[in-house]
Amino acid sequence: FEMWILSLFLLLGSSQAIRLERNGYRDVLIGINDEIPESASLLQTLKDAFTQASDYLYRSTKKRAYFDEITIVVPESWSDSDSYSPATAAETFDAAKVRINPAETFFGVASHRAFVSPSTTPCGTEGHYMHITPDRLTERNWVLASPPHRMIVHEWAHLRWGVFDEYFKAFYGLDLDNKPGRCPQKIVPTRDERTGRWKYDQNGAVGSITWKQQINEVTEFCDDGNDPNTKHYRESSTAQNRFCNMQSVWTVMKSTEDFADGANPPREVDSTAPKFRIVRKKNPEAVVLVLDVSRAMTSEIE
C-alpha cells in the first residue's frame, strides 16, 4: 500500500471590500481595461488625479476621509515591469471599484463622461463601480466638465455613499413653480432672457460637490446645518431630494458605515497623498507536490 501526501502551495488572494480605517481608505482597487493601450503616462495621470482627489476628499469630508492605499491593476496584455508586483487572485479588473474603460459610443459619438454603475441603487447604498475613460482624466476643457480630481470625488460620493446629483430635474415632480435646481439655497439664480437658461451666482456658498464641483469655490457637500453656505435646499427638484427623501448629502453620508455613530472623527494627518501599488498578473505560482512513499509510512498504514 502506498500513501500519496499532496501539498499545494498557492498564493491565493481573497476579495476584500474597501475599508476606511483611521480616516484612510484602504484596498481601493483601480482596474485598467484590457482594451486600453499600454501607457506609462496614464499610470502617472491616475496617480496625480487621485493624489489631488485625496486632498479634496479630506477637505470636503471635514478631515474625516482620504485615500490612503490604492492598487492599480494593469492588463496582462501590457508588458511586464520590475516595478509591478504580482497581482493576487482578488486583484482583478472585475473586482475593481474604479475602472478605466474605453469610451462608450452613442450614435457614432464617443462619450467620455464618468459615471457610477448602477445609477439606481437605493439611497445610502454603495454602487458597483466607477467608470472613467482615459480622455476624461486628461481633457483640459473645464468650461462644462470639472477637473479630474473634483470629478473623482463627485463620483466617489455616488459610489461609496449612495448619494445623488443635485442638478435640476423637472421630471422628478418637485418644484412646481419651476424653481431652478441648486444646493445650497443661498446660490442666486438668474435666467438669461435671450437663451432662457439659468445662470448662477455662488454668493459666497461653498456647496455643493454633487451640484457643480467644477466651480473653484465649491469645496463641500450640502448639509442640514444652519450655515447658509452649505445648507441643503429641500425644495429643489433634484435626484438627491427625490431618492433620499429630501435629506442632505451629508445626512446620508453620516448614516453610512464610514461615519455612523461618530466613526472616523475629524483627524489631522501628516499627508493625504496615497500610497500606490501597481500590480499585474504574473505566471501561475508553482505547485509543489510532496510524495512520501517510505517504508515507514507504508508500515504504519498496513
C-alpha atoms as a PDB file:
ATOM      1  CA  PHE A   1       0.000   0.000   0.000  1.00  0.00           C
ATOM      2  CA  GLU A   2       1.353   3.361  -0.869  1.00  0.00           C
ATOM      3  CA  MET A   3       0.184   6.714   0.526  1.00  0.00           C
ATOM      4  CA  TRP A   4       0.359   9.851  -1.520  1.00  0.00           C
ATOM      5  CA  ILE A   5       0.571  13.037   0.504  1.00  0.00           C
ATOM      6  CA  LEU A   6      -0.307  16.066  -1.573  1.00  0.00           C
ATOM      7  CA  SER A   7       0.659  19.622  -0.530  1.00  0.00           C
ATOM      8  CA  LEU A   8      -0.310  22.542  -2.690  1.00  0.00           C
ATOM      9  CA  PHE A   9       1.364  25.899  -2.055  1.00  0.00           C
ATOM     10  CA  LEU A  10      -0.580  28.506  -3.975  1.00  0.00           C
ATOM     11  CA  LEU A  11      -0.593  32.201  -3.399  1.00  0.00           C
ATOM     12  CA  LEU A  12      -4.314  32.970  -3.346  1.00  0.00           C
ATOM     13  CA  GLY A  13      -5.985  36.249  -2.550  1.00  0.00           C
ATOM     14  CA  SER A  14      -9.447  36.811  -1.164  1.00  0.00           C
ATOM     15  CA  SER A  15     -11.790  39.534  -2.260  1.00  0.00           C
ATOM     16  CA  GLN A  16     -11.655  42.473   0.127  1.00  0.00           C
ATOM     17  CA  ALA A  17     -14.028  45.382   0.414  1.00  0.00           C
ATOM     18  CA  ILE A  18     -12.742  48.934   0.614  1.00  0.00           C
ATOM     19  CA  ARG A  19     -12.028  49.838   4.234  1.00  0.00           C
ATOM     20  CA  LEU A  20     -11.963  53.218   5.951  1.00  0.00           C
ATOM     21  CA  GLU A  21      -9.573  52.956   8.884  1.00  0.00           C
ATOM     22  CA  ARG A  22      -8.266  55.922  10.861  1.00  0.00           C
ATOM     23  CA  ASN A  23      -9.744  58.180   8.180  1.00  0.00           C
ATOM     24  CA  GLY A  24      -7.832  56.492   5.346  1.00  0.00           C
ATOM     25  CA  TYR A  25      -9.412  54.416   2.584  1.00  0.00           C
ATOM     26  CA  ARG A  26      -7.519  51.178   2.028  1.00  0.00           C
ATOM     27  CA  ASP A  27      -7.905  48.352  -0.504  1.00  0.00           C
ATOM     28  CA  VAL A  28      -9.012  50.828  -3.172  1.00  0.00           C
ATOM     29  CA  LEU A  29      -8.634  48.888  -6.426  1.00  0.00           C
ATOM     30  CA  ILE A  30      -8.363  50.628  -9.815  1.00  0.00           C
ATOM     31  CA  GLY A  31      -8.594  48.294 -12.819  1.00  0.00           C
ATOM     32  CA  ILE A  32      -7.468  49.186 -16.339  1.00  0.00           C
ATOM     33  CA  ASN A  33      -9.470  47.565 -19.134  1.00  0.00           C
ATOM     34  CA  ASP A  34      -7.543  45.184 -21.396  1.00  0.00           C
ATOM     35  CA  GLU A  35      -8.583  47.290 -24.412  1.00  0.00           C
ATOM     36  CA  ILE A  36      -6.681  50.325 -23.122  1.00  0.00           C
ATOM     37  CA  PRO A  37      -3.287  50.668 -24.890  1.00  0.00           C
ATOM     38  CA  GLU A  38      -0.213  50.396 -22.715  1.00  0.00           C
ATOM     39  CA  SER A  39       0.666  53.813 -21.347  1.00  0.00           C
ATOM     40  CA  ALA A  40       3.100  54.884 -18.650  1.00  0.00           C
ATOM     41  CA  SER A  41       1.632  58.375 -18.840  1.00  0.00           C
ATOM     42  CA  LEU A  42      -1.834  57.012 -17.980  1.00  0.00           C
ATOM     43  CA  LEU A  43      -0.434  55.465 -14.813  1.00  0.00           C
ATOM     44  CA  GLN A  44       1.141  58.772 -13.832  1.00  0.00           C
ATOM     45  CA  THR A  45      -2.066  60.634 -14.674  1.00  0.00           C
ATOM     46  CA  LEU A  46      -4.024  58.275 -12.422  1.00  0.00           C
ATOM     47  CA  LYS A  47      -1.571  58.823  -9.589  1.00  0.00           C
ATOM     48  CA  ASP A  48      -1.704  62.600  -9.988  1.00  0.00           C
ATOM     49  CA  ALA A  49      -5.510  62.703 -10.198  1.00  0.00           C
ATOM     50  CA  PHE A  50      -6.079  60.508  -7.149  1.00  0.00           C
ATOM     51  CA  THR A  51      -3.424  62.338  -5.145  1.00  0.00           C
ATOM     52  CA  GLN A  52      -5.238  65.627  -5.752  1.00  0.00           C
ATOM     53  CA  ALA A  53      -8.595  63.922  -5.194  1.00  0.00           C
ATOM     54  CA  SER A  54      -7.408  62.631  -1.831  1.00  0.00           C
ATOM     55  CA  ASP A  55      -6.709  66.160  -0.594  1.00  0.00           C
ATOM     56  CA  TYR A  56     -10.043  67.422  -1.965  1.00  0.00           C
ATOM     57  CA  LEU A  57     -11.856  64.483  -0.330  1.00  0.00           C
ATOM     58  CA  TYR A  58     -10.151  65.158   3.008  1.00  0.00           C
ATOM     59  CA  ARG A  59     -11.223  68.805   2.972  1.00  0.00           C
ATOM     60  CA  SER A  60     -14.755  68.107   1.716  1.00  0.00           C
ATOM     61  CA  THR A  61     -15.383  65.497   4.437  1.00  0.00           C
ATOM     62  CA  LYS A  62     -14.174  67.883   7.140  1.00  0.00           C
ATOM     63  CA  LYS A  63     -10.954  65.881   7.674  1.00  0.00           C
ATOM     64  CA  ARG A  64     -12.756  62.563   8.053  1.00  0.00           C
ATOM     65  CA  ALA A  65     -11.620  60.644   4.934  1.00  0.00           C
ATOM     66  CA  TYR A  66      -8.864  60.487   2.323  1.00  0.00           C
ATOM     67  CA  PHE A  67      -7.310  57.875   0.005  1.00  0.00           C
ATOM     68  CA  ASP A  68      -4.570  56.061   1.909  1.00  0.00           C
ATOM     69  CA  GLU A  69      -3.732  52.915  -0.100  1.00  0.00           C
ATOM     70  CA  ILE A  70      -4.512  52.430  -3.798  1.00  0.00           C
ATOM     71  CA  THR A  71      -3.691  49.436  -6.009  1.00  0.00           C
ATOM     72  CA  ILE A  72      -3.731  49.787  -9.791  1.00  0.00           C
ATOM     73  CA  VAL A  73      -4.233  46.575 -11.796  1.00  0.00           C
ATOM     74  CA  VAL A  74      -2.714  46.771 -15.283  1.00  0.00           C
ATOM     75  CA  PRO A  75      -3.807  44.345 -18.038  1.00  0.00           C
ATOM     76  CA  GLU A  76      -1.920  41.158 -18.828  1.00  0.00           C
ATOM     77  CA  SER A  77      -1.564  42.493 -22.387  1.00  0.00           C
ATOM     78  CA  TRP A  78       0.776  45.182 -21.075  1.00  0.00           C
ATOM     79  CA  SER A  79       4.488  44.474 -20.886  1.00  0.00           C
ATOM     80  CA  ASP A  80       5.746  43.249 -17.548  1.00  0.00           C
ATOM     81  CA  SER A  81       7.902  45.507 -15.419  1.00  0.00           C
ATOM     82  CA  ASP A  82      10.116  45.035 -12.389  1.00  0.00           C
ATOM     83  CA  SER A  83       8.121  47.821 -10.765  1.00  0.00           C
ATOM     84  CA  TYR A  84       4.912  45.746 -10.942  1.00  0.00           C
ATOM     85  CA  SER A  85       4.049  43.450  -8.063  1.00  0.00           C
ATOM     86  CA  PRO A  86       2.315  40.113  -8.709  1.00  0.00           C
ATOM     87  CA  ALA A  87      -1.463  40.505  -8.549  1.00  0.00           C
ATOM     88  CA  THR A  88      -3.283  38.307  -6.080  1.00  0.00           C
ATOM     89  CA  ALA A  89      -6.317  36.296  -7.125  1.00  0.00           C
ATOM     90  CA  ALA A  90      -8.525  39.057  -5.714  1.00  0.00           C
ATOM     91  CA  GLU A  91      -6.778  41.842  -7.635  1.00  0.00           C
ATOM     92  CA  THR A  92      -8.561  41.720 -10.987  1.00  0.00           C
ATOM     93  CA  PHE A  93     -10.285  44.195 -13.280  1.00  0.00           C
ATOM     94  CA  ASP A  94     -13.693  42.726 -12.455  1.00  0.00           C
ATOM     95  CA  ALA A  95     -13.059  43.209  -8.733  1.00  0.00           C
ATOM     96  CA  ALA A  96     -12.085  46.860  -9.147  1.00  0.00           C
ATOM     97  CA  LYS A  97     -14.390  49.545  -7.766  1.00  0.00           C
ATOM     98  CA  VAL A  98     -12.804  52.089 -10.116  1.00  0.00           C
ATOM     99  CA  ARG A  99     -12.497  51.011 -13.761  1.00  0.00           C
ATOM    100  CA  ILE A 100     -10.643  52.728 -16.577  1.00  0.00           C
ATOM    101  CA  ASN A 101     -12.656  51.805 -19.664  1.00  0.00           C
ATOM    102  CA  PRO A 102     -12.725  52.783 -23.334  1.00  0.00           C
ATOM    103  CA  ALA A 103     -15.217  55.496 -24.232  1.00  0.00           C
ATOM    104  CA  GLU A 104     -18.758  54.362 -24.885  1.00  0.00           C
ATOM    105  CA  THR A 105     -20.171  55.268 -28.292  1.00  0.00           C
ATOM    106  CA  PHE A 106     -23.624  56.714 -28.795  1.00  0.00           C
ATOM    107  CA  PHE A 107     -24.798  57.284 -32.376  1.00  0.00           C
ATOM    108  CA  GLY A 108     -21.207  57.255 -33.553  1.00  0.00           C
ATOM    109  CA  VAL A 109     -20.026  59.810 -30.982  1.00  0.00           C
ATOM    110  CA  ALA A 110     -17.621  58.800 -28.221  1.00  0.00           C
ATOM    111  CA  SER A 111     -18.731  59.699 -24.705  1.00  0.00           C
ATOM    112  CA  HIS A 112     -16.061  60.392 -22.112  1.00  0.00           C
ATOM    113  CA  ARG A 113     -18.423  61.020 -19.242  1.00  0.00           C
ATOM    114  CA  ALA A 114     -17.709  59.431 -15.893  1.00  0.00           C
ATOM    115  CA  PHE A 115     -20.447  57.595 -14.040  1.00  0.00           C
ATOM    116  CA  VAL A 116     -21.195  55.058 -11.329  1.00  0.00           C
ATOM    117  CA  SER A 117     -22.943  51.793 -12.198  1.00  0.00           C
ATOM    118  CA  PRO A 118     -25.655  51.089 -11.407  1.00  0.00           C
ATOM    119  CA  SER A 119     -27.121  54.564 -11.021  1.00  0.00           C
ATOM    120  CA  THR A 120     -30.348  53.342  -9.425  1.00  0.00           C
ATOM    121  CA  THR A 121     -29.172  51.786  -6.167  1.00  0.00           C
ATOM    122  CA  PRO A 122     -31.223  52.812  -3.110  1.00  0.00           C
ATOM    123  CA  CYS A 123     -30.183  55.944  -1.249  1.00  0.00           C
ATOM    124  CA  GLY A 124     -27.230  55.262   1.040  1.00  0.00           C
ATOM    125  CA  THR A 125     -26.283  52.034  -0.750  1.00  0.00           C
ATOM    126  CA  GLU A 126     -22.824  51.501  -2.251  1.00  0.00           C
ATOM    127  CA  GLY A 127     -22.650  51.301  -6.035  1.00  0.00           C
ATOM    128  CA  HIS A 128     -20.983  48.596  -8.137  1.00  0.00           C
ATOM    129  CA  TYR A 129     -18.145  50.503  -9.803  1.00  0.00           C
ATOM    130  CA  MET A 130     -16.993  53.891 -11.096  1.00  0.00           C
ATOM    131  CA  HIS A 131     -16.435  54.195 -14.882  1.00  0.00           C
ATOM    132  CA  ILE A 132     -13.760  56.624 -16.116  1.00  0.00           C
ATOM    133  CA  THR A 133     -12.202  56.945 -19.581  1.00  0.00           C
ATOM    134  CA  PRO A 134      -8.542  57.889 -20.132  1.00  0.00           C
ATOM    135  CA  ASP A 135      -9.570  61.030 -22.021  1.00  0.00           C
ATOM    136  CA  ARG A 136     -11.751  62.158 -19.111  1.00  0.00           C
ATOM    137  CA  LEU A 137      -8.613  62.160 -16.965  1.00  0.00           C
ATOM    138  CA  THR A 138      -6.639  64.298 -19.394  1.00  0.00           C
ATOM    139  CA  GLU A 139      -9.143  66.692 -21.007  1.00  0.00           C
ATOM    140  CA  ARG A 140      -8.483  70.330 -20.307  1.00  0.00           C
ATOM    141  CA  ASN A 141     -11.803  71.932 -21.217  1.00  0.00           C
ATOM    142  CA  TRP A 142     -13.258  72.670 -17.802  1.00  0.00           C
ATOM    143  CA  VAL A 143     -15.988  75.032 -19.001  1.00  0.00           C
ATOM    144  CA  LEU A 144     -18.549  72.267 -18.562  1.00  0.00           C
ATOM    145  CA  ALA A 145     -16.507  69.421 -17.111  1.00  0.00           C
ATOM    146  CA  SER A 146     -14.759  69.511 -13.755  1.00  0.00           C
ATOM    147  CA  PRO A 147     -11.021  68.841 -13.245  1.00  0.00           C
ATOM    148  CA  PRO A 148     -10.293  65.118 -12.805  1.00  0.00           C
ATOM    149  CA  HIS A 149      -9.723  65.238  -9.055  1.00  0.00           C
ATOM    150  CA  ARG A 150     -13.036  67.014  -8.452  1.00  0.00           C
ATOM    151  CA  MET A 151     -14.840  64.621 -10.787  1.00  0.00           C
ATOM    152  CA  ILE A 152     -13.397  61.668  -8.847  1.00  0.00           C
ATOM    153  CA  VAL A 153     -14.706  62.963  -5.511  1.00  0.00           C
ATOM    154  CA  HIS A 154     -18.113  63.719  -7.070  1.00  0.00           C
ATOM    155  CA  GLU A 155     -18.357  60.159  -8.422  1.00  0.00           C
ATOM    156  CA  TRP A 156     -16.912  58.685  -5.219  1.00  0.00           C
ATOM    157  CA  ALA A 157     -19.862  60.192  -3.341  1.00  0.00           C
ATOM    158  CA  HIS A 158     -22.219  58.263  -5.643  1.00  0.00           C
ATOM    159  CA  LEU A 159     -20.157  55.077  -5.429  1.00  0.00           C
ATOM    160  CA  ARG A 160     -19.331  54.906  -1.743  1.00  0.00           C
ATOM    161  CA  TRP A 161     -22.219  56.647  -0.004  1.00  0.00           C
ATOM    162  CA  GLY A 162     -25.097  56.213  -2.462  1.00  0.00           C
ATOM    163  CA  VAL A 163     -25.978  59.886  -2.801  1.00  0.00           C
ATOM    164  CA  PHE A 164     -27.372  61.520  -5.940  1.00  0.00           C
ATOM    165  CA  ASP A 165     -26.831  64.531  -8.166  1.00  0.00           C
ATOM    166  CA  GLU A 166     -28.264  67.900  -7.223  1.00  0.00           C
ATOM    167  CA  TYR A 167     -28.783  69.113 -10.766  1.00  0.00           C
ATOM    168  CA  PHE A 168     -32.209  70.420 -11.731  1.00  0.00           C
ATOM    169  CA  LYS A 169     -34.536  67.637 -12.919  1.00  0.00           C
ATOM    170  CA  ALA A 170     -38.011  68.912 -13.724  1.00  0.00           C
ATOM    171  CA  PHE A 171     -39.462  65.438 -14.228  1.00  0.00           C
ATOM    172  CA  TYR A 172     -38.875  64.453 -10.598  1.00  0.00           C
ATOM    173  CA  GLY A 173     -42.138  66.193  -9.737  1.00  0.00           C
ATOM    174  CA  LEU A 174     -40.754  68.681  -7.236  1.00  0.00           C
ATOM    175  CA  ASP A 175     -40.591  72.465  -7.607  1.00  0.00           C
ATOM    176  CA  LEU A 176     -43.976  73.037  -9.151  1.00  0.00           C
ATOM    177  CA  ASP A 177     -43.019  76.694  -9.554  1.00  0.00           C
ATOM    178  CA  ASN A 178     -40.075  75.573 -11.704  1.00  0.00           C
ATOM    179  CA  LYS A 179     -37.504  76.935  -9.274  1.00  0.00           C
ATOM    180  CA  PRO A 180     -34.020  76.215 -10.618  1.00  0.00           C
ATOM    181  CA  GLY A 181     -32.261  73.282  -9.006  1.00  0.00           C
ATOM    182  CA  ARG A 182     -29.315  74.127  -6.811  1.00  0.00           C
ATOM    183  CA  CYS A 183     -27.721  73.451  -3.464  1.00  0.00           C
ATOM    184  CA  PRO A 184     -27.385  75.332  -1.213  1.00  0.00           C
ATOM    185  CA  GLN A 185     -30.382  77.651  -1.494  1.00  0.00           C
ATOM    186  CA  LYS A 186     -28.123  80.684  -0.968  1.00  0.00           C
ATOM    187  CA  ILE A 187     -26.933  80.460  -4.579  1.00  0.00           C
ATOM    188  CA  VAL A 188     -28.603  83.183  -6.668  1.00  0.00           C
ATOM    189  CA  PRO A 189     -30.127  82.019  -9.982  1.00  0.00           C
ATOM    190  CA  THR A 190     -30.885  84.387 -12.849  1.00  0.00           C
ATOM    191  CA  ARG A 191     -32.486  83.451 -16.141  1.00  0.00           C
ATOM    192  CA  ASP A 192     -30.901  84.597 -19.400  1.00  0.00           C
ATOM    193  CA  GLU A 193     -33.778  86.269 -21.258  1.00  0.00           C
ATOM    194  CA  ARG A 194     -32.228  85.531 -24.629  1.00  0.00           C
ATOM    195  CA  THR A 195     -31.486  81.817 -24.160  1.00  0.00           C
ATOM    196  CA  GLY A 196     -33.857  81.000 -21.314  1.00  0.00           C
ATOM    197  CA  ARG A 197     -31.025  79.243 -19.477  1.00  0.00           C
ATOM    198  CA  TRP A 198     -30.257  79.689 -15.810  1.00  0.00           C
ATOM    199  CA  LYS A 199     -27.046  81.269 -14.594  1.00  0.00           C
ATOM    200  CA  TYR A 200     -25.856  81.029 -11.035  1.00  0.00           C
ATOM    201  CA  ASP A 201     -24.009  83.308  -8.617  1.00  0.00           C
ATOM    202  CA  GLN A 202     -22.394  81.331  -5.798  1.00  0.00           C
ATOM    203  CA  ASN A 203     -22.999  84.294  -3.483  1.00  0.00           C
ATOM    204  CA  GLY A 204     -20.269  83.062  -1.152  1.00  0.00           C
ATOM    205  CA  ALA A 205     -21.615  79.491  -0.965  1.00  0.00           C
ATOM    206  CA  VAL A 206     -19.111  76.619  -0.866  1.00  0.00           C
ATOM    207  CA  GLY A 207     -21.563  73.840  -1.763  1.00  0.00           C
ATOM    208  CA  SER A 208     -22.233  71.524  -3.287  1.00  0.00           C
ATOM    209  CA  ILE A 209     -19.874  68.949  -4.779  1.00  0.00           C
ATOM    210  CA  THR A 210     -22.822  66.917  -6.048  1.00  0.00           C
ATOM    211  CA  TRP A 211     -24.129  70.035  -7.817  1.00  0.00           C
ATOM    212  CA  LYS A 212     -21.326  71.996  -9.524  1.00  0.00           C
ATOM    213  CA  GLN A 213     -17.979  70.668  -8.376  1.00  0.00           C
ATOM    214  CA  GLN A 214     -16.235  72.376 -11.309  1.00  0.00           C
ATOM    215  CA  ILE A 215     -16.630  75.787  -9.643  1.00  0.00           C
ATOM    216  CA  ASN A 216     -13.481  76.730  -7.717  1.00  0.00           C
ATOM    217  CA  GLU A 217     -15.403  77.962  -4.691  1.00  0.00           C
ATOM    218  CA  VAL A 218     -17.206  74.648  -4.257  1.00  0.00           C
ATOM    219  CA  THR A 219     -15.351  72.589  -1.660  1.00  0.00           C
ATOM    220  CA  GLU A 220     -18.084  70.966   0.458  1.00  0.00           C
ATOM    221  CA  PHE A 221     -21.250  68.892   0.364  1.00  0.00           C
ATOM    222  CA  CYS A 222     -24.607  70.321   1.418  1.00  0.00           C
ATOM    223  CA  ASP A 223     -25.695  69.534   4.969  1.00  0.00           C
ATOM    224  CA  ASP A 224     -28.633  70.123   7.298  1.00  0.00           C
ATOM    225  CA  GLY A 225     -26.846  72.655   9.478  1.00  0.00           C
ATOM    226  CA  ASN A 226     -27.556  76.354   9.778  1.00  0.00           C
ATOM    227  CA  ASP A 227     -24.639  77.651   7.723  1.00  0.00           C
ATOM    228  CA  PRO A 228     -26.234  79.202   4.612  1.00  0.00           C
ATOM    229  CA  ASN A 229     -23.072  78.447   2.619  1.00  0.00           C
ATOM    230  CA  THR A 230     -23.795  74.704   2.806  1.00  0.00           C
ATOM    231  CA  LYS A 231     -27.423  74.434   3.984  1.00  0.00           C
ATOM    232  CA  HIS A 232     -29.392  71.873   1.998  1.00  0.00           C
ATOM    233  CA  TYR A 233     -32.206  73.157  -0.240  1.00  0.00           C
ATOM    234  CA  ARG A 234     -35.086  70.728   0.338  1.00  0.00           C
ATOM    235  CA  GLU A 235     -37.408  72.277  -2.251  1.00  0.00           C
ATOM    236  CA  SER A 236     -35.018  71.924  -5.171  1.00  0.00           C
ATOM    237  CA  SER A 237     -36.068  69.474  -7.885  1.00  0.00           C
ATOM    238  CA  THR A 238     -33.061  67.166  -7.745  1.00  0.00           C
ATOM    239  CA  ALA A 239     -32.365  63.450  -7.735  1.00  0.00           C
ATOM    240  CA  GLN A 240     -30.931  63.764  -4.215  1.00  0.00           C
ATOM    241  CA  ASN A 241     -34.229  65.105  -2.883  1.00  0.00           C
ATOM    242  CA  ARG A 242     -36.281  62.642  -4.915  1.00  0.00           C
ATOM    243  CA  PHE A 243     -34.450  59.456  -3.967  1.00  0.00           C
ATOM    244  CA  CYS A 244     -33.180  60.356  -0.499  1.00  0.00           C
ATOM    245  CA  ASN A 245     -36.430  61.721   0.907  1.00  0.00           C
ATOM    246  CA  MET A 246     -35.156  65.316   0.824  1.00  0.00           C
ATOM    247  CA  GLN A 247     -32.177  64.509   3.057  1.00  0.00           C
ATOM    248  CA  SER A 248     -28.933  66.370   2.542  1.00  0.00           C
ATOM    249  CA  VAL A 249     -25.889  64.600   1.141  1.00  0.00           C
ATOM    250  CA  TRP A 250     -24.081  64.914   4.487  1.00  0.00           C
ATOM    251  CA  THR A 251     -27.006  63.408   6.372  1.00  0.00           C
ATOM    252  CA  VAL A 252     -26.895  60.352   4.114  1.00  0.00           C
ATOM    253  CA  MET A 253     -23.096  60.149   4.355  1.00  0.00           C
ATOM    254  CA  LYS A 254     -23.203  60.194   8.162  1.00  0.00           C
ATOM    255  CA  SER A 255     -25.624  57.262   8.138  1.00  0.00           C
ATOM    256  CA  THR A 256     -23.170  55.009   6.270  1.00  0.00           C
ATOM    257  CA  GLU A 257     -20.665  52.725   7.964  1.00  0.00           C
ATOM    258  CA  ASP A 258     -17.861  55.182   7.190  1.00  0.00           C
ATOM    259  CA  PHE A 259     -19.171  57.810   9.606  1.00  0.00           C
ATOM    260  CA  ALA A 260     -22.127  56.351  11.546  1.00  0.00           C
ATOM    261  CA  ASP A 261     -22.048  56.666  15.333  1.00  0.00           C
ATOM    262  CA  GLY A 262     -19.086  59.023  15.153  1.00  0.00           C
ATOM    263  CA  ALA A 263     -16.806  56.639  13.243  1.00  0.00           C
ATOM    264  CA  ASN A 264     -13.701  58.240  11.752  1.00  0.00           C
ATOM    265  CA  PRO A 265     -14.000  61.601  13.506  1.00  0.00           C
ATOM    266  CA  PRO A 266     -12.025  64.573  12.139  1.00  0.00           C
ATOM    267  CA  ARG A 267      -8.286  63.975  12.454  1.00  0.00           C
ATOM    268  CA  GLU A 268      -5.179  65.833  11.412  1.00  0.00           C
ATOM    269  CA  VAL A 269      -2.932  63.739   9.148  1.00  0.00           C
ATOM    270  CA  ASP A 270       0.636  64.391   8.068  1.00  0.00           C
ATOM    271  CA  SER A 271      -0.149  63.753   4.409  1.00  0.00           C
ATOM    272  CA  THR A 272      -3.180  62.861   2.309  1.00  0.00           C
ATOM    273  CA  ALA A 273      -1.011  61.535  -0.543  1.00  0.00           C
ATOM    274  CA  PRO A 274      -1.982  57.905  -1.274  1.00  0.00           C
ATOM    275  CA  LYS A 275       0.489  55.041  -1.287  1.00  0.00           C
ATOM    276  CA  PHE A 276       0.270  53.454  -4.735  1.00  0.00           C
ATOM    277  CA  ARG A 277       0.985  49.865  -5.711  1.00  0.00           C
ATOM    278  CA  ILE A 278       0.872  48.677  -9.341  1.00  0.00           C
ATOM    279  CA  VAL A 279       0.170  45.009  -9.963  1.00  0.00           C
ATOM    280  CA  ARG A 280      -0.062  42.704 -12.942  1.00  0.00           C
ATOM    281  CA  LYS A 281      -0.972  39.036 -13.208  1.00  0.00           C
ATOM    282  CA  LYS A 282       2.245  37.028 -13.356  1.00  0.00           C
ATOM    283  CA  ASN A 283       2.906  33.449 -14.393  1.00  0.00           C
ATOM    284  CA  PRO A 284       0.965  30.892 -12.310  1.00  0.00           C
ATOM    285  CA  GLU A 285       2.504  30.104  -8.950  1.00  0.00           C
ATOM    286  CA  ALA A 286       4.432  26.839  -8.722  1.00  0.00           C
ATOM    287  CA  VAL A 287       2.578  23.791  -7.494  1.00  0.00           C
ATOM    288  CA  VAL A 288       4.743  21.692  -5.170  1.00  0.00           C
ATOM    289  CA  LEU A 289       3.904  18.001  -4.828  1.00  0.00           C
ATOM    290  CA  VAL A 290       5.384  16.249  -1.797  1.00  0.00           C
ATOM    291  CA  LEU A 291       5.180  12.452  -2.054  1.00  0.00           C
ATOM    292  CA  ASP A 292       6.187  10.249   0.887  1.00  0.00           C
ATOM    293  CA  VAL A 293       6.465   6.582  -0.153  1.00  0.00           C
ATOM    294  CA  SER A 294       8.898   5.484   2.535  1.00  0.00           C
ATOM    295  CA  ARG A 295       8.706   2.008   4.100  1.00  0.00           C
ATOM    296  CA  ALA A 296       7.959   3.583   7.483  1.00  0.00           C
ATOM    297  CA  MET A 297       4.855   5.323   6.182  1.00  0.00           C
ATOM    298  CA  THR A 298       3.719   2.151   4.394  1.00  0.00           C
ATOM    299  CA  SER A 299       4.184   0.017   7.503  1.00  0.00           C
ATOM    300  CA  GLU A 300       2.098   2.368   9.643  1.00  0.00           C
ATOM    301  CA  ILE A 301      -0.792   2.146   7.216  1.00  0.00           C
ATOM    302  CA  GLU A 302      -0.546  -1.645   6.950  1.00  0.00           C
END
